[in-house]
N, C-alpha and C. Protein backbone atom coordinates (compact mmCIF):
# COMPACT_ATOMS: atom_id res chain seq x y z
N MET A 1 9.46 -30.00 -3.09
CA MET A 1 8.77 -28.73 -3.23
C MET A 1 7.83 -28.81 -4.43
N ASN A 2 6.59 -28.43 -4.22
CA ASN A 2 5.58 -28.49 -5.27
C ASN A 2 5.54 -27.15 -5.99
N ASN A 3 5.78 -27.14 -7.28
CA ASN A 3 5.83 -25.89 -8.05
C ASN A 3 4.57 -25.69 -8.89
N THR A 4 3.42 -26.13 -8.40
CA THR A 4 2.19 -25.92 -9.15
C THR A 4 1.43 -24.73 -8.59
N THR A 5 0.78 -24.03 -9.48
CA THR A 5 -0.01 -22.87 -9.09
C THR A 5 -1.41 -23.32 -8.73
N TYR A 6 -1.91 -22.83 -7.61
CA TYR A 6 -3.25 -23.19 -7.16
C TYR A 6 -4.28 -22.44 -8.01
N SER A 7 -5.27 -23.17 -8.51
CA SER A 7 -6.36 -22.57 -9.26
C SER A 7 -7.67 -23.10 -8.68
N PRO A 8 -8.50 -22.22 -8.13
CA PRO A 8 -9.74 -22.71 -7.50
C PRO A 8 -10.71 -23.28 -8.53
N LYS A 9 -11.37 -24.36 -8.15
CA LYS A 9 -12.39 -24.97 -9.00
C LYS A 9 -13.73 -24.31 -8.71
N LYS A 10 -14.69 -24.51 -9.60
CA LYS A 10 -15.98 -23.87 -9.49
C LYS A 10 -16.68 -24.21 -8.17
N GLY A 11 -16.60 -25.46 -7.74
CA GLY A 11 -17.27 -25.89 -6.51
C GLY A 11 -16.58 -25.46 -5.24
N GLU A 12 -15.31 -25.08 -5.30
CA GLU A 12 -14.55 -24.71 -4.12
C GLU A 12 -14.73 -23.25 -3.72
N ILE A 13 -15.34 -22.46 -4.59
CA ILE A 13 -15.43 -21.02 -4.35
C ILE A 13 -16.59 -20.71 -3.42
N GLU A 14 -16.31 -19.96 -2.37
CA GLU A 14 -17.34 -19.55 -1.42
C GLU A 14 -17.74 -18.11 -1.72
N LYS A 15 -19.01 -17.91 -1.99
CA LYS A 15 -19.50 -16.57 -2.35
C LYS A 15 -20.27 -15.96 -1.18
N LYS A 16 -20.01 -14.68 -0.95
CA LYS A 16 -20.70 -13.93 0.10
C LYS A 16 -21.49 -12.79 -0.53
N TRP A 17 -22.32 -12.15 0.27
CA TRP A 17 -23.09 -10.98 -0.14
C TRP A 17 -22.57 -9.78 0.63
N TYR A 18 -22.35 -8.68 -0.07
CA TYR A 18 -21.89 -7.45 0.57
C TYR A 18 -22.81 -6.29 0.20
N VAL A 19 -22.94 -5.33 1.13
CA VAL A 19 -23.71 -4.12 0.89
C VAL A 19 -22.74 -2.95 0.88
N ILE A 20 -22.83 -2.11 -0.15
CA ILE A 20 -22.04 -0.89 -0.23
C ILE A 20 -22.99 0.29 -0.20
N ASP A 21 -22.73 1.23 0.70
CA ASP A 21 -23.55 2.44 0.80
C ASP A 21 -22.89 3.54 -0.02
N ALA A 22 -23.62 4.04 -1.04
CA ALA A 22 -23.06 5.04 -1.95
C ALA A 22 -23.35 6.47 -1.52
N ALA A 23 -23.99 6.66 -0.37
CA ALA A 23 -24.38 8.00 0.06
C ALA A 23 -23.16 8.88 0.31
N ASN A 24 -23.15 10.06 -0.29
CA ASN A 24 -22.09 11.07 -0.12
C ASN A 24 -20.71 10.57 -0.51
N ARG A 25 -20.65 9.62 -1.43
CA ARG A 25 -19.38 9.12 -1.96
C ARG A 25 -19.39 9.31 -3.46
N PRO A 26 -18.22 9.55 -4.06
CA PRO A 26 -18.18 9.67 -5.52
C PRO A 26 -18.67 8.39 -6.19
N LEU A 27 -19.46 8.54 -7.24
CA LEU A 27 -20.06 7.42 -7.94
C LEU A 27 -18.98 6.46 -8.46
N GLY A 28 -17.92 6.99 -9.02
CA GLY A 28 -16.87 6.16 -9.58
C GLY A 28 -16.10 5.36 -8.53
N ARG A 29 -15.86 5.97 -7.36
CA ARG A 29 -15.15 5.26 -6.30
C ARG A 29 -15.99 4.10 -5.77
N THR A 30 -17.28 4.32 -5.66
CA THR A 30 -18.18 3.26 -5.21
C THR A 30 -18.22 2.14 -6.24
N ALA A 31 -18.28 2.50 -7.53
CA ALA A 31 -18.32 1.50 -8.59
C ALA A 31 -17.03 0.69 -8.64
N THR A 32 -15.91 1.33 -8.32
CA THR A 32 -14.62 0.63 -8.30
C THR A 32 -14.61 -0.45 -7.23
N GLU A 33 -15.12 -0.12 -6.05
CA GLU A 33 -15.18 -1.11 -4.97
C GLU A 33 -16.10 -2.26 -5.34
N ALA A 34 -17.23 -1.93 -5.95
CA ALA A 34 -18.18 -2.98 -6.37
C ALA A 34 -17.55 -3.90 -7.41
N ALA A 35 -16.84 -3.32 -8.38
CA ALA A 35 -16.20 -4.13 -9.43
C ALA A 35 -15.12 -5.03 -8.83
N LYS A 36 -14.40 -4.52 -7.84
CA LYS A 36 -13.36 -5.32 -7.17
C LYS A 36 -13.98 -6.52 -6.47
N LEU A 37 -15.11 -6.31 -5.79
CA LEU A 37 -15.79 -7.41 -5.11
C LEU A 37 -16.39 -8.40 -6.11
N LEU A 38 -16.97 -7.89 -7.20
CA LEU A 38 -17.59 -8.77 -8.20
C LEU A 38 -16.55 -9.67 -8.87
N ARG A 39 -15.36 -9.15 -9.11
CA ARG A 39 -14.32 -9.95 -9.74
C ARG A 39 -13.63 -10.89 -8.77
N GLY A 40 -13.63 -10.54 -7.48
CA GLY A 40 -12.97 -11.38 -6.48
C GLY A 40 -11.54 -10.98 -6.23
N LYS A 41 -11.16 -9.75 -6.57
CA LYS A 41 -9.77 -9.32 -6.43
C LYS A 41 -9.39 -9.09 -4.97
N HIS A 42 -10.34 -9.08 -4.08
CA HIS A 42 -10.05 -8.91 -2.66
C HIS A 42 -9.71 -10.24 -1.99
N LYS A 43 -9.83 -11.33 -2.72
CA LYS A 43 -9.56 -12.66 -2.17
C LYS A 43 -8.15 -13.12 -2.53
N PRO A 44 -7.51 -13.88 -1.66
CA PRO A 44 -6.18 -14.41 -1.99
C PRO A 44 -6.22 -15.46 -3.09
N THR A 45 -7.39 -16.04 -3.35
CA THR A 45 -7.52 -17.08 -4.38
C THR A 45 -8.00 -16.51 -5.71
N PHE A 46 -7.80 -15.21 -5.94
CA PHE A 46 -8.26 -14.58 -7.19
C PHE A 46 -7.63 -15.26 -8.40
N THR A 47 -8.48 -15.59 -9.36
CA THR A 47 -8.05 -16.15 -10.63
C THR A 47 -8.77 -15.38 -11.73
N PRO A 48 -8.04 -14.82 -12.70
CA PRO A 48 -8.68 -13.96 -13.69
C PRO A 48 -9.71 -14.65 -14.58
N ASN A 49 -9.57 -15.95 -14.80
CA ASN A 49 -10.45 -16.63 -15.74
C ASN A 49 -11.55 -17.44 -15.06
N VAL A 50 -11.72 -17.28 -13.73
CA VAL A 50 -12.75 -18.00 -12.99
C VAL A 50 -13.61 -16.98 -12.25
N ASP A 51 -14.92 -17.22 -12.20
CA ASP A 51 -15.81 -16.33 -11.46
C ASP A 51 -15.69 -16.64 -9.98
N CYS A 52 -14.76 -15.98 -9.30
CA CYS A 52 -14.55 -16.22 -7.88
C CYS A 52 -14.99 -15.01 -7.04
N GLY A 53 -15.75 -14.10 -7.65
CA GLY A 53 -16.20 -12.90 -6.95
C GLY A 53 -17.44 -13.14 -6.11
N ASP A 54 -17.84 -12.10 -5.41
CA ASP A 54 -18.99 -12.16 -4.52
C ASP A 54 -20.17 -11.39 -5.11
N TYR A 55 -21.29 -11.42 -4.40
CA TYR A 55 -22.47 -10.66 -4.78
C TYR A 55 -22.42 -9.30 -4.10
N VAL A 56 -22.89 -8.26 -4.80
CA VAL A 56 -22.81 -6.89 -4.28
C VAL A 56 -24.17 -6.23 -4.37
N ILE A 57 -24.56 -5.56 -3.29
CA ILE A 57 -25.77 -4.75 -3.25
C ILE A 57 -25.33 -3.32 -3.03
N ILE A 58 -25.71 -2.42 -3.93
CA ILE A 58 -25.35 -1.00 -3.78
C ILE A 58 -26.63 -0.24 -3.44
N ILE A 59 -26.62 0.45 -2.28
CA ILE A 59 -27.79 1.21 -1.86
C ILE A 59 -27.49 2.71 -1.88
N ASN A 60 -28.52 3.52 -1.81
CA ASN A 60 -28.43 4.98 -1.78
C ASN A 60 -27.74 5.57 -3.01
N CYS A 61 -28.03 5.04 -4.18
CA CYS A 61 -27.41 5.57 -5.40
C CYS A 61 -27.84 7.00 -5.69
N LYS A 62 -29.04 7.37 -5.25
CA LYS A 62 -29.53 8.73 -5.50
C LYS A 62 -28.70 9.76 -4.74
N ASP A 63 -27.98 9.34 -3.69
CA ASP A 63 -27.16 10.25 -2.89
C ASP A 63 -25.69 10.23 -3.29
N ALA A 64 -25.33 9.46 -4.32
CA ALA A 64 -23.94 9.45 -4.80
C ALA A 64 -23.64 10.80 -5.43
N ILE A 65 -22.38 11.19 -5.40
CA ILE A 65 -22.01 12.51 -5.92
C ILE A 65 -21.05 12.37 -7.09
N PHE A 66 -21.02 13.40 -7.91
CA PHE A 66 -20.04 13.53 -8.98
C PHE A 66 -19.08 14.64 -8.57
N THR A 67 -17.79 14.43 -8.77
CA THR A 67 -16.82 15.45 -8.43
C THR A 67 -16.61 16.39 -9.60
N GLY A 68 -16.10 17.57 -9.32
CA GLY A 68 -15.82 18.54 -10.37
C GLY A 68 -17.10 18.98 -11.07
N ARG A 69 -17.03 19.14 -12.39
CA ARG A 69 -18.18 19.60 -13.18
C ARG A 69 -18.82 18.46 -13.97
N LYS A 70 -18.58 17.22 -13.53
CA LYS A 70 -19.10 16.07 -14.26
C LYS A 70 -20.62 16.05 -14.34
N LEU A 71 -21.29 16.57 -13.32
CA LEU A 71 -22.74 16.55 -13.31
C LEU A 71 -23.33 17.27 -14.52
N ASP A 72 -22.64 18.32 -14.99
CA ASP A 72 -23.12 19.06 -16.17
C ASP A 72 -22.41 18.63 -17.45
N GLN A 73 -21.18 18.15 -17.36
CA GLN A 73 -20.40 17.86 -18.56
C GLN A 73 -20.48 16.41 -19.03
N LYS A 74 -20.71 15.46 -18.11
CA LYS A 74 -20.73 14.05 -18.49
C LYS A 74 -22.00 13.74 -19.26
N ILE A 75 -21.86 13.03 -20.36
CA ILE A 75 -22.98 12.66 -21.22
C ILE A 75 -23.04 11.13 -21.33
N TYR A 76 -24.22 10.57 -21.09
CA TYR A 76 -24.46 9.15 -21.31
C TYR A 76 -25.08 9.01 -22.69
N ARG A 77 -24.49 8.14 -23.53
CA ARG A 77 -24.98 7.96 -24.90
C ARG A 77 -25.34 6.50 -25.14
N HIS A 78 -26.39 6.30 -25.92
CA HIS A 78 -26.72 4.96 -26.42
C HIS A 78 -27.39 5.12 -27.77
N HIS A 79 -27.34 4.06 -28.56
CA HIS A 79 -27.84 4.12 -29.93
C HIS A 79 -28.89 3.03 -30.12
N SER A 80 -29.99 3.39 -30.79
CA SER A 80 -31.08 2.45 -31.01
C SER A 80 -30.76 1.45 -32.12
N GLY A 81 -29.80 1.78 -32.97
CA GLY A 81 -29.49 0.92 -34.10
C GLY A 81 -30.06 1.45 -35.40
N TYR A 82 -30.94 2.43 -35.32
CA TYR A 82 -31.52 3.04 -36.50
C TYR A 82 -30.77 4.32 -36.86
N ILE A 83 -30.94 4.77 -38.09
CA ILE A 83 -30.30 6.00 -38.53
C ILE A 83 -30.81 7.16 -37.68
N GLY A 84 -29.90 7.95 -37.16
CA GLY A 84 -30.27 9.07 -36.30
C GLY A 84 -30.76 8.64 -34.94
N GLY A 85 -30.42 7.43 -34.53
CA GLY A 85 -30.93 6.88 -33.28
C GLY A 85 -30.06 7.11 -32.06
N MET A 86 -29.13 8.08 -32.12
CA MET A 86 -28.28 8.37 -30.97
C MET A 86 -29.07 9.15 -29.93
N LYS A 87 -29.09 8.65 -28.71
CA LYS A 87 -29.76 9.33 -27.61
C LYS A 87 -28.70 9.78 -26.62
N GLU A 88 -28.82 11.00 -26.12
CA GLU A 88 -27.88 11.54 -25.16
C GLU A 88 -28.62 12.01 -23.92
N THR A 89 -28.02 11.73 -22.76
CA THR A 89 -28.59 12.15 -21.48
C THR A 89 -27.46 12.70 -20.63
N SER A 90 -27.66 13.84 -20.02
CA SER A 90 -26.62 14.40 -19.14
C SER A 90 -26.64 13.67 -17.80
N ALA A 91 -25.54 13.77 -17.08
CA ALA A 91 -25.44 13.09 -15.79
C ALA A 91 -26.45 13.65 -14.80
N ARG A 92 -26.74 14.94 -14.87
CA ARG A 92 -27.72 15.54 -13.95
C ARG A 92 -29.11 14.94 -14.17
N VAL A 93 -29.52 14.80 -15.43
CA VAL A 93 -30.83 14.22 -15.75
C VAL A 93 -30.85 12.75 -15.36
N MET A 94 -29.76 12.03 -15.62
CA MET A 94 -29.68 10.61 -15.28
C MET A 94 -29.79 10.40 -13.76
N MET A 95 -29.13 11.25 -12.98
CA MET A 95 -29.18 11.12 -11.53
C MET A 95 -30.56 11.50 -10.98
N ASP A 96 -31.26 12.40 -11.65
CA ASP A 96 -32.60 12.76 -11.21
C ASP A 96 -33.61 11.66 -11.54
N ASN A 97 -33.49 11.06 -12.73
CA ASN A 97 -34.49 10.09 -13.19
C ASN A 97 -34.14 8.65 -12.83
N LYS A 98 -32.91 8.21 -13.12
CA LYS A 98 -32.51 6.81 -12.92
C LYS A 98 -31.12 6.73 -12.30
N PRO A 99 -30.96 7.06 -11.01
CA PRO A 99 -29.62 7.00 -10.42
C PRO A 99 -29.05 5.58 -10.38
N GLU A 100 -29.94 4.56 -10.33
CA GLU A 100 -29.42 3.19 -10.31
C GLU A 100 -28.78 2.82 -11.64
N LYS A 101 -29.30 3.37 -12.73
CA LYS A 101 -28.73 3.08 -14.05
C LYS A 101 -27.34 3.69 -14.19
N ALA A 102 -27.15 4.90 -13.65
CA ALA A 102 -25.84 5.54 -13.70
C ALA A 102 -24.80 4.70 -12.96
N MET A 103 -25.17 4.18 -11.79
CA MET A 103 -24.25 3.34 -11.01
C MET A 103 -24.01 2.02 -11.74
N TYR A 104 -25.06 1.42 -12.29
CA TYR A 104 -24.94 0.16 -13.01
C TYR A 104 -23.99 0.29 -14.20
N LEU A 105 -24.13 1.39 -14.96
CA LEU A 105 -23.26 1.60 -16.11
C LEU A 105 -21.80 1.82 -15.69
N ALA A 106 -21.60 2.48 -14.54
CA ALA A 106 -20.23 2.69 -14.05
C ALA A 106 -19.58 1.36 -13.68
N VAL A 107 -20.34 0.49 -13.00
CA VAL A 107 -19.82 -0.83 -12.62
C VAL A 107 -19.57 -1.67 -13.88
N LYS A 108 -20.50 -1.61 -14.82
CA LYS A 108 -20.37 -2.38 -16.06
C LYS A 108 -19.11 -2.02 -16.82
N GLY A 109 -18.78 -0.73 -16.84
CA GLY A 109 -17.58 -0.29 -17.55
C GLY A 109 -16.28 -0.73 -16.90
N MET A 110 -16.34 -1.10 -15.61
CA MET A 110 -15.13 -1.50 -14.89
C MET A 110 -14.91 -3.00 -14.87
N LEU A 111 -15.85 -3.75 -15.41
CA LEU A 111 -15.69 -5.21 -15.50
C LEU A 111 -15.17 -5.57 -16.89
N PRO A 112 -14.57 -6.76 -17.04
CA PRO A 112 -14.10 -7.18 -18.35
C PRO A 112 -15.25 -7.29 -19.34
N HIS A 113 -15.01 -6.92 -20.57
CA HIS A 113 -16.03 -6.97 -21.61
C HIS A 113 -15.97 -8.32 -22.31
N THR A 114 -16.21 -9.38 -21.52
CA THR A 114 -16.15 -10.76 -22.01
C THR A 114 -17.36 -11.52 -21.45
N ARG A 115 -17.45 -12.80 -21.77
CA ARG A 115 -18.53 -13.63 -21.23
C ARG A 115 -18.47 -13.66 -19.70
N LEU A 116 -17.26 -13.74 -19.16
CA LEU A 116 -17.10 -13.78 -17.71
C LEU A 116 -17.56 -12.47 -17.08
N GLY A 117 -17.24 -11.34 -17.70
CA GLY A 117 -17.67 -10.04 -17.19
C GLY A 117 -19.18 -9.89 -17.21
N ARG A 118 -19.82 -10.40 -18.26
CA ARG A 118 -21.28 -10.33 -18.33
C ARG A 118 -21.92 -11.19 -17.25
N LYS A 119 -21.30 -12.33 -16.95
CA LYS A 119 -21.82 -13.20 -15.88
C LYS A 119 -21.64 -12.52 -14.53
N GLN A 120 -20.49 -11.89 -14.32
CA GLN A 120 -20.24 -11.22 -13.04
C GLN A 120 -21.16 -10.01 -12.85
N LEU A 121 -21.57 -9.39 -13.93
CA LEU A 121 -22.46 -8.23 -13.85
C LEU A 121 -23.85 -8.62 -13.35
N THR A 122 -24.22 -9.88 -13.51
CA THR A 122 -25.52 -10.32 -13.00
C THR A 122 -25.51 -10.46 -11.48
N HIS A 123 -24.36 -10.36 -10.84
CA HIS A 123 -24.24 -10.51 -9.39
C HIS A 123 -24.33 -9.18 -8.65
N VAL A 124 -24.68 -8.11 -9.33
CA VAL A 124 -24.81 -6.80 -8.68
C VAL A 124 -26.29 -6.42 -8.63
N ARG A 125 -26.70 -5.86 -7.49
CA ARG A 125 -28.05 -5.34 -7.32
C ARG A 125 -27.90 -3.87 -6.95
N VAL A 126 -28.61 -2.99 -7.64
CA VAL A 126 -28.46 -1.56 -7.44
C VAL A 126 -29.81 -0.96 -7.05
N TYR A 127 -29.83 -0.18 -5.97
CA TYR A 127 -31.05 0.43 -5.47
C TYR A 127 -30.84 1.91 -5.24
N ALA A 128 -31.86 2.72 -5.57
CA ALA A 128 -31.76 4.17 -5.41
C ALA A 128 -31.85 4.57 -3.95
N GLY A 129 -32.63 3.86 -3.17
CA GLY A 129 -32.85 4.23 -1.77
C GLY A 129 -32.14 3.31 -0.79
N GLN A 130 -32.57 3.41 0.47
CA GLN A 130 -31.96 2.66 1.56
C GLN A 130 -32.40 1.19 1.57
N GLU A 131 -33.67 0.93 1.19
CA GLU A 131 -34.21 -0.42 1.30
C GLU A 131 -33.76 -1.29 0.13
N HIS A 132 -33.52 -2.56 0.41
CA HIS A 132 -33.21 -3.52 -0.66
C HIS A 132 -33.93 -4.83 -0.37
N GLU A 133 -34.05 -5.66 -1.39
CA GLU A 133 -34.86 -6.88 -1.31
C GLU A 133 -34.04 -8.12 -0.96
N ASN A 134 -32.80 -7.96 -0.56
CA ASN A 134 -31.93 -9.10 -0.36
C ASN A 134 -31.57 -9.31 1.11
N ILE A 135 -32.53 -9.12 2.00
CA ILE A 135 -32.30 -9.32 3.43
C ILE A 135 -32.05 -10.81 3.72
N ALA A 136 -32.72 -11.69 2.99
CA ALA A 136 -32.63 -13.13 3.24
C ALA A 136 -31.22 -13.66 3.01
N GLN A 137 -30.41 -12.97 2.18
CA GLN A 137 -29.05 -13.42 1.91
C GLN A 137 -28.07 -13.04 3.02
N LYS A 138 -28.54 -12.28 4.02
CA LYS A 138 -27.71 -11.83 5.15
C LYS A 138 -26.42 -11.15 4.67
N PRO A 139 -26.56 -10.04 3.95
CA PRO A 139 -25.35 -9.39 3.43
C PRO A 139 -24.56 -8.69 4.53
N GLU A 140 -23.24 -8.66 4.35
CA GLU A 140 -22.35 -7.95 5.27
C GLU A 140 -22.09 -6.56 4.72
N LYS A 141 -21.88 -5.60 5.61
CA LYS A 141 -21.58 -4.23 5.18
C LYS A 141 -20.11 -4.17 4.80
N TRP A 142 -19.82 -3.66 3.61
CA TRP A 142 -18.45 -3.53 3.12
C TRP A 142 -17.94 -2.13 3.46
N GLU A 143 -16.92 -2.07 4.29
CA GLU A 143 -16.35 -0.79 4.68
C GLU A 143 -15.33 -0.36 3.64
N VAL A 144 -15.54 0.83 3.09
CA VAL A 144 -14.66 1.36 2.07
C VAL A 144 -13.67 2.30 2.74
N ASN A 145 -12.39 2.17 2.39
CA ASN A 145 -11.36 3.03 3.00
C ASN A 145 -11.46 4.44 2.49
């Protein structure tokens, strides 16, 4: 009996492309599915320290919804690095102006904050509308439960 744990090597990993439709779905639930695919947790060969995830395309971000009163209460903050450089944007303004950025930040927060997480974050493409530029990759539609 062999008591060794299988660990996939970089060349053995097969990566696919998936499309997630965010229309009429909560933004956070969609981001959770995307993060799961990016990390590779849906695969039986998942390894936490290896990039075994897939590529994800998220479409219709402008139609994603916030539950409860998050649209008015949630605040996105970033700092320029200068004194008094804190910028704040409400979720309503963010969804009106840059819905793809809101989805991107949600996915970013659900990935590990390490070198591996930053590499996996480059595998996500986020679009506000229905059209995307990745037809050549032949992405499969990811059905969310």
